[in-house]
């Protein structure tokens, strides 16, 4: 009898322990799955917000009346006037970027090759209107995202990976193309969004 009751007890404990383990494992797995789905949704939402901010900035710059006026007029001939104009537009772009902390840079490329920038990096030499990315942006019907590339197109950086969004600037008065506007986002900014939600063990 003692052996029988001992066996019944051991079997009952084994069944209860196994059942508890299976049920608990399922609950933990379901909770973890829900947590990860919510986490991924939040990361995706933050990334969407970053890209939406870049697109909104492009629209703001491309449709700015002052910038349109500058791009509509011929390039000033005196060097001093050209420098003054460049400085004025650079300051305006810097002001816009001051409210867009996650953007690496904002640039405007004039149809005649002149360039304006929002950051302090020195400009690269070259005729940007002949670049493949310039032609692709002009041909696009809206904002065009360009795959990660080393460094900015128009200013000298340390060649860190950058994603660029470009938009053709259309003259509101005549409908002709005045140039393109660019917004740069560093890849590490997006990586920072991921690190903000995942610890060192997360992937």
Protein backbone atom coordinates (compact mmCIF):
# COMPACT_ATOMS: atom_id res chain seq x y z
CA UNK A 1 0.00 0.00 0.00
CA UNK A 2 2.81 2.35 0.91
CA UNK A 3 4.54 1.75 -2.42
CA UNK A 4 1.24 2.20 -4.26
CA UNK A 5 0.47 5.54 -2.57
CA UNK A 6 4.07 6.65 -3.12
CA UNK A 7 3.82 5.89 -6.83
CA UNK A 8 0.44 7.66 -7.10
CA UNK A 9 1.89 10.70 -5.31
CA UNK A 10 5.00 10.78 -7.48
CA UNK A 11 2.96 10.45 -10.68
CA UNK A 12 0.57 13.20 -9.53
CA UNK A 13 3.46 15.53 -8.67
CA UNK A 14 5.12 14.78 -12.03
CA UNK A 15 1.90 15.48 -13.94
CA UNK A 16 1.24 18.71 -12.02
CA UNK A 17 4.86 19.87 -12.44
CA UNK A 18 4.84 19.12 -16.17
CA UNK A 19 1.48 20.83 -16.62
CA UNK A 20 2.65 23.86 -14.64
CA UNK A 21 5.85 24.03 -16.71
CA UNK A 22 3.98 23.80 -20.03
CA UNK A 23 1.36 26.38 -19.02
CA UNK A 24 3.95 28.78 -17.58
CA UNK A 25 6.20 28.45 -20.62
CA UNK A 26 3.26 29.22 -22.91
CA UNK A 27 2.30 32.30 -20.89
CA UNK A 28 5.90 33.58 -20.88
CA UNK A 29 6.23 32.91 -24.62
CA UNK A 30 2.97 34.74 -25.39
CA UNK A 31 3.92 37.69 -23.19
CA UNK A 32 7.37 37.88 -24.77
CA UNK A 33 5.85 37.73 -28.25
CA UNK A 34 3.41 40.55 -27.43
CA UNK A 35 6.23 42.61 -25.90
CA UNK A 36 8.46 42.15 -28.96
CA UNK A 37 5.66 43.00 -31.38
CA UNK A 38 4.90 46.19 -29.43
CA UNK A 39 8.62 46.98 -29.35
CA UNK A 40 9.02 46.54 -33.10
CA UNK A 41 5.92 48.64 -33.74
CA UNK A 42 7.35 51.44 -31.60
CA UNK A 43 10.73 51.28 -33.38
CA UNK A 44 8.96 51.33 -36.76
CA UNK A 45 6.82 54.28 -35.64
CA UNK A 46 9.86 56.27 -34.49
CA UNK A 47 11.67 55.50 -37.74
CA UNK A 48 8.61 56.57 -39.75
CA UNK A 49 8.51 59.81 -37.75
CA UNK A 50 12.18 60.45 -38.59
CA UNK A 51 11.60 59.89 -42.32
CA UNK A 52 8.41 61.96 -42.23
CA UNK A 53 10.39 64.79 -40.60
CA UNK A 54 12.89 64.62 -43.46
CA UNK A 55 10.13 64.78 -46.08
CA UNK A 56 8.38 67.68 -44.31
CA UNK A 57 11.68 69.56 -44.17
CA UNK A 58 12.19 69.04 -47.90
CA UNK A 59 8.70 70.38 -48.65
CA UNK A 60 9.28 73.38 -46.40
CA UNK A 61 12.61 74.25 -48.07
CA UNK A 62 11.44 73.59 -51.64
CA UNK A 63 8.33 75.77 -51.22
CA UNK A 64 9.93 78.56 -49.20
CA UNK A 65 9.20 81.85 -51.04
CA UNK A 66 12.58 83.35 -50.14
CA UNK A 67 14.52 80.33 -51.43
CA UNK A 68 12.38 80.22 -54.56
CA UNK A 69 13.17 83.89 -55.17
CA UNK A 70 16.91 83.27 -54.81
CA UNK A 71 16.84 80.27 -57.17
CA UNK A 72 14.67 82.11 -59.69
CA UNK A 73 17.14 84.99 -60.13
CA UNK A 74 20.45 84.74 -62.04
CA UNK A 75 23.62 83.94 -60.13
CA UNK A 76 25.12 87.22 -58.82
CA UNK A 77 28.27 88.16 -60.72
CA UNK A 78 30.26 90.02 -58.03
CA UNK A 79 31.97 87.56 -55.69
CA UNK A 80 30.95 89.63 -52.67
CA UNK A 81 27.27 89.53 -53.66
CA UNK A 82 27.47 85.81 -54.32
CA UNK A 83 29.10 85.20 -50.94
CA UNK A 84 26.49 87.36 -49.20
CA UNK A 85 23.67 85.44 -50.87
CA UNK A 86 25.24 82.09 -50.00
CA UNK A 87 25.68 83.14 -46.38
CA UNK A 88 22.08 84.33 -46.16
CA UNK A 89 20.62 81.07 -47.50
CA UNK A 90 23.02 78.98 -45.39
CA UNK A 91 21.82 80.79 -42.25
CA UNK A 92 18.20 80.19 -43.22
CA UNK A 93 18.85 76.45 -43.73
CA UNK A 94 20.75 76.32 -40.42
CA UNK A 95 17.75 77.88 -38.70
CA UNK A 96 15.48 75.19 -40.15
CA UNK A 97 17.87 72.44 -39.06
CA UNK A 98 18.05 73.83 -35.52
CA UNK A 99 14.49 72.51 -35.08
CA UNK A 100 15.33 69.16 -36.72
CA UNK A 101 17.92 67.65 -34.39
CA UNK A 102 17.86 64.20 -36.01
CA UNK A 103 18.75 65.50 -39.48
CA UNK A 104 22.42 65.61 -40.38
CA UNK A 105 22.19 68.30 -43.04
CA UNK A 106 19.91 70.23 -45.39
CA UNK A 107 21.17 71.30 -48.82
CA UNK A 108 19.89 73.18 -51.84
CA UNK A 109 21.55 72.68 -55.24
CA UNK A 110 20.79 75.41 -57.74
CA UNK A 111 20.21 74.49 -61.39
CA UNK A 112 23.38 76.45 -62.26
CA UNK A 113 25.48 74.35 -59.87
CA UNK A 114 25.59 76.71 -56.86
CA UNK A 115 25.06 74.99 -53.51
CA UNK A 116 23.76 76.02 -50.08
CA UNK A 117 24.06 74.07 -46.83
CA UNK A 118 22.80 74.06 -43.26
CA UNK A 119 25.89 72.69 -41.51
CA UNK A 120 29.46 73.93 -40.99
CA UNK A 121 31.22 71.41 -43.26
CA UNK A 122 33.17 72.80 -46.19
CA UNK A 123 31.65 72.20 -49.61
CA UNK A 124 32.95 69.67 -52.11
CA UNK A 125 34.02 70.87 -55.52
CA UNK A 126 32.07 69.77 -58.56
CA UNK A 127 29.10 70.37 -60.82
CA UNK A 128 26.32 68.55 -59.00
CA UNK A 129 23.84 69.00 -61.83
CA UNK A 130 25.77 66.37 -63.80
CA UNK A 131 25.61 63.75 -61.05
CA UNK A 132 23.46 60.62 -61.48
CA UNK A 133 21.67 61.26 -58.18
CA UNK A 134 20.76 64.79 -59.32
CA UNK A 135 19.18 63.43 -62.51
CA UNK A 136 17.28 60.76 -60.55
CA UNK A 137 15.84 63.34 -58.16
CA UNK A 138 14.77 65.61 -61.03
CA UNK A 139 13.05 62.68 -62.75
CA UNK A 140 11.22 61.64 -59.59
CA UNK A 141 7.60 62.70 -59.11
CA UNK A 142 8.13 63.25 -55.38
CA UNK A 143 10.67 62.73 -52.60
CA UNK A 144 13.29 60.15 -53.56
CA UNK A 145 15.22 58.14 -50.96
CA UNK A 146 18.76 57.19 -51.95
CA UNK A 147 20.43 54.11 -50.48
CA UNK A 148 23.10 54.54 -47.77
CA UNK A 149 26.32 55.98 -49.15
CA UNK A 150 29.64 57.10 -47.60
CA UNK A 151 29.51 60.78 -46.65
CA UNK A 152 27.39 63.65 -47.91
CA UNK A 153 27.17 64.40 -51.62
CA UNK A 154 28.00 68.11 -51.50
CA UNK A 155 30.01 68.69 -48.29
CA UNK A 156 33.17 67.11 -46.89
CA UNK A 157 32.40 64.71 -44.04
CA UNK A 158 34.19 61.71 -42.52
CA UNK A 159 32.41 59.41 -45.02
CA UNK A 160 30.08 57.96 -42.40
CA UNK A 161 27.07 56.05 -43.84
CA UNK A 162 24.32 58.50 -44.78
CA UNK A 163 20.83 58.12 -46.24
CA UNK A 164 19.72 61.01 -48.47
CA UNK A 165 16.23 62.11 -49.42
CA UNK A 166 15.98 64.45 -52.40
CA UNK A 167 13.19 66.54 -53.91
CA UNK A 168 13.04 68.55 -57.11
CA UNK A 169 12.35 72.26 -56.50
CA UNK A 170 9.71 73.50 -58.93
CA UNK A 171 9.18 77.21 -59.57
CA UNK A 172 5.66 78.01 -58.36
CA UNK A 173 5.40 80.83 -60.88
CA UNK A 174 6.63 79.14 -64.06
CA UNK A 175 6.61 75.41 -63.26
CA UNK A 176 10.24 74.99 -64.37
CA UNK A 177 12.85 73.20 -62.29
CA UNK A 178 15.01 75.44 -60.11
CA UNK A 179 17.22 72.73 -58.63
CA UNK A 180 16.96 70.11 -55.90
CA UNK A 181 16.73 70.04 -52.11
CA UNK A 182 18.48 67.32 -50.11
CA UNK A 183 18.17 66.09 -46.53
CA UNK A 184 20.78 63.78 -45.01
CA UNK A 185 20.10 61.31 -42.18
CA UNK A 186 22.99 59.43 -40.61
CA UNK A 187 22.57 55.66 -40.46
CA UNK A 188 23.77 55.75 -36.85
CA UNK A 189 20.77 57.94 -35.99
CA UNK A 190 18.51 55.05 -37.03
CA UNK A 191 20.75 52.62 -35.15
CA UNK A 192 20.33 54.89 -32.13
CA UNK A 193 16.56 54.43 -32.32
CA UNK A 194 17.10 50.66 -32.15
CA UNK A 195 19.58 50.89 -29.26
CA UNK A 196 17.08 53.02 -27.36
CA UNK A 197 14.74 50.03 -27.10
CA UNK A 198 17.12 47.08 -27.18
CA UNK A 199 19.82 46.45 -24.60
CA UNK A 200 23.24 44.97 -25.38
CA UNK A 201 21.76 41.46 -25.48
CA UNK A 202 18.91 42.37 -27.83
CA UNK A 203 18.93 41.90 -31.57
